[in-house]
Amino acid sequence: MKTQGYIYLNSDQVYGDYIDYFYNEQNIKCMSIMLRVKIGNLFYSCSLLFKDFSSWILEELIHCEANFLSYDGELNLFKNYDLYNLKSEQIGFIYFNENL
C-alpha cells in the first residue's frame, strides 16, 4: 500500500535495512529508507521516500511517500503512528494524509 504522509523525528538515531541516495530528474537529492511503523500492537516495515533530502531537519515535519510491504488495512488520517528504526528505538512519529 502506498500513501503520503509527514514524519517528525525527535532522534538522529535513524537506522534502516537500507538507505539509498539518488538524484531525481530535477537533479534534487532524494533518499529512500526502510523504517518501522507501529500500528496497533504490531510493527510494519515501510519504505519511506524523501524527495528533497536536503530539508531533513530534526523536530520539523518532513513530507514523504510511504510504501508498506505487507499492510493492507485502513489508516486513520487523524492519528499519529509511532516510528521506529530497525533497532526498535522510537525515533518520532508519522501521520498519513492520503492514499495514492
Protein backbone atom coordinates (compact mmCIF):
# COMPACT_ATOMS: atom_id res chain seq x y z
CA MET A 1 0.00 0.00 0.00
CA LYS A 2 1.34 3.43 -0.96
CA THR A 3 0.41 6.61 0.83
CA GLN A 4 1.75 10.08 1.51
CA GLY A 5 2.47 11.49 4.91
CA TYR A 6 4.64 13.57 7.18
CA ILE A 7 7.18 12.39 9.70
CA TYR A 8 8.52 14.14 12.77
CA LEU A 9 11.89 12.93 14.04
CA ASN A 10 12.97 13.61 17.60
CA SER A 11 16.11 11.46 17.35
CA ASP A 12 19.02 11.29 14.95
CA GLN A 13 19.33 7.54 15.56
CA VAL A 14 17.81 6.66 12.18
CA TYR A 15 18.89 3.16 11.18
CA GLY A 16 17.37 1.27 8.28
CA ASP A 17 17.78 -2.01 6.43
CA TYR A 18 18.86 0.10 3.53
CA ILE A 19 19.42 3.75 2.83
CA ASP A 20 19.64 4.76 -0.81
CA TYR A 21 20.55 8.23 -2.08
CA PHE A 22 19.80 9.28 -5.65
CA TYR A 23 19.06 12.33 -7.76
CA ASN A 24 15.67 12.77 -9.43
CA GLU A 25 15.05 14.25 -12.87
CA GLN A 26 15.23 17.80 -11.43
CA ASN A 27 18.69 16.98 -10.01
CA ILE A 28 17.39 17.13 -6.41
CA LYS A 29 18.98 14.74 -3.91
CA CYS A 30 16.48 12.16 -2.69
CA MET A 31 16.65 9.42 -0.07
CA SER A 32 14.85 6.13 0.44
CA ILE A 33 14.99 4.32 3.80
CA MET A 34 13.25 1.34 5.40
CA LEU A 35 11.78 2.01 8.87
CA ARG A 36 9.05 0.51 11.05
CA VAL A 37 5.61 1.94 11.78
CA LYS A 38 3.69 0.72 14.82
CA ILE A 39 0.00 0.22 14.03
CA GLY A 40 -1.93 -1.14 16.98
CA ASN A 41 0.38 -3.63 18.69
CA LEU A 42 2.23 -4.67 15.53
CA PHE A 43 5.20 -3.28 13.62
CA TYR A 44 5.12 -2.96 9.83
CA SER A 45 8.11 -2.37 7.58
CA CYS A 46 7.70 0.69 5.46
CA SER A 47 9.88 2.15 2.73
CA LEU A 48 9.94 5.95 3.02
CA LEU A 49 10.93 8.18 0.10
CA PHE A 50 12.04 11.76 0.72
CA LYS A 51 12.05 13.84 -2.46
CA ASP A 52 14.25 16.60 -1.09
CA PHE A 53 16.68 15.09 1.39
CA SER A 54 18.42 18.45 1.90
CA SER A 55 15.48 19.58 4.06
CA TRP A 56 15.85 16.80 6.66
CA ILE A 57 15.84 18.65 9.99
CA LEU A 58 15.11 17.18 13.42
CA GLU A 59 11.90 18.33 15.10
CA GLU A 60 10.31 19.58 11.88
CA LEU A 61 7.66 17.91 9.73
CA ILE A 62 9.12 16.24 6.64
CA HIS A 63 6.98 15.17 3.68
CA CYS A 64 7.44 11.61 2.45
CA GLU A 65 5.89 8.87 0.38
CA ALA A 66 5.37 5.60 2.24
CA ASN A 67 5.15 2.13 0.74
CA PHE A 68 4.10 -0.62 3.16
CA LEU A 69 5.42 -4.07 2.31
CA SER A 70 2.64 -6.11 3.94
CA TYR A 71 -0.03 -3.80 5.41
CA ASP A 72 -3.36 -3.52 3.60
CA GLY A 73 -5.63 -2.18 6.36
CA GLU A 74 -7.12 1.24 6.90
CA LEU A 75 -5.05 4.09 8.30
CA ASN A 76 -6.57 6.77 10.50
CA LEU A 77 -5.61 10.02 8.76
CA PHE A 78 -6.06 11.96 12.00
CA LYS A 79 -3.76 9.82 14.15
CA ASN A 80 -0.01 9.87 14.73
CA TYR A 81 1.72 6.50 14.49
CA ASP A 82 4.98 5.80 16.29
CA LEU A 83 8.00 5.50 14.02
CA TYR A 84 10.87 3.16 14.91
CA ASN A 85 14.29 2.47 13.49
CA LEU A 86 15.32 -1.12 12.84
CA LYS A 87 16.99 -1.31 16.25
CA SER A 88 13.46 -0.98 17.73
CA GLU A 89 14.15 2.51 19.09
CA GLN A 90 11.28 5.00 18.89
CA ILE A 91 12.56 7.93 16.81
CA GLY A 92 9.47 10.02 16.15
CA PHE A 93 6.05 9.71 14.59
CA ILE A 94 4.35 9.66 11.21
CA TYR A 95 0.90 10.60 10.07
CA PHE A 96 -0.65 9.90 6.69
CA ASN A 97 -2.61 12.44 4.69
CA GLU A 98 -3.76 10.49 1.64
CA ASN A 99 -3.60 7.17 -0.15
CA LEU A 100 -2.06 7.04 -3.60
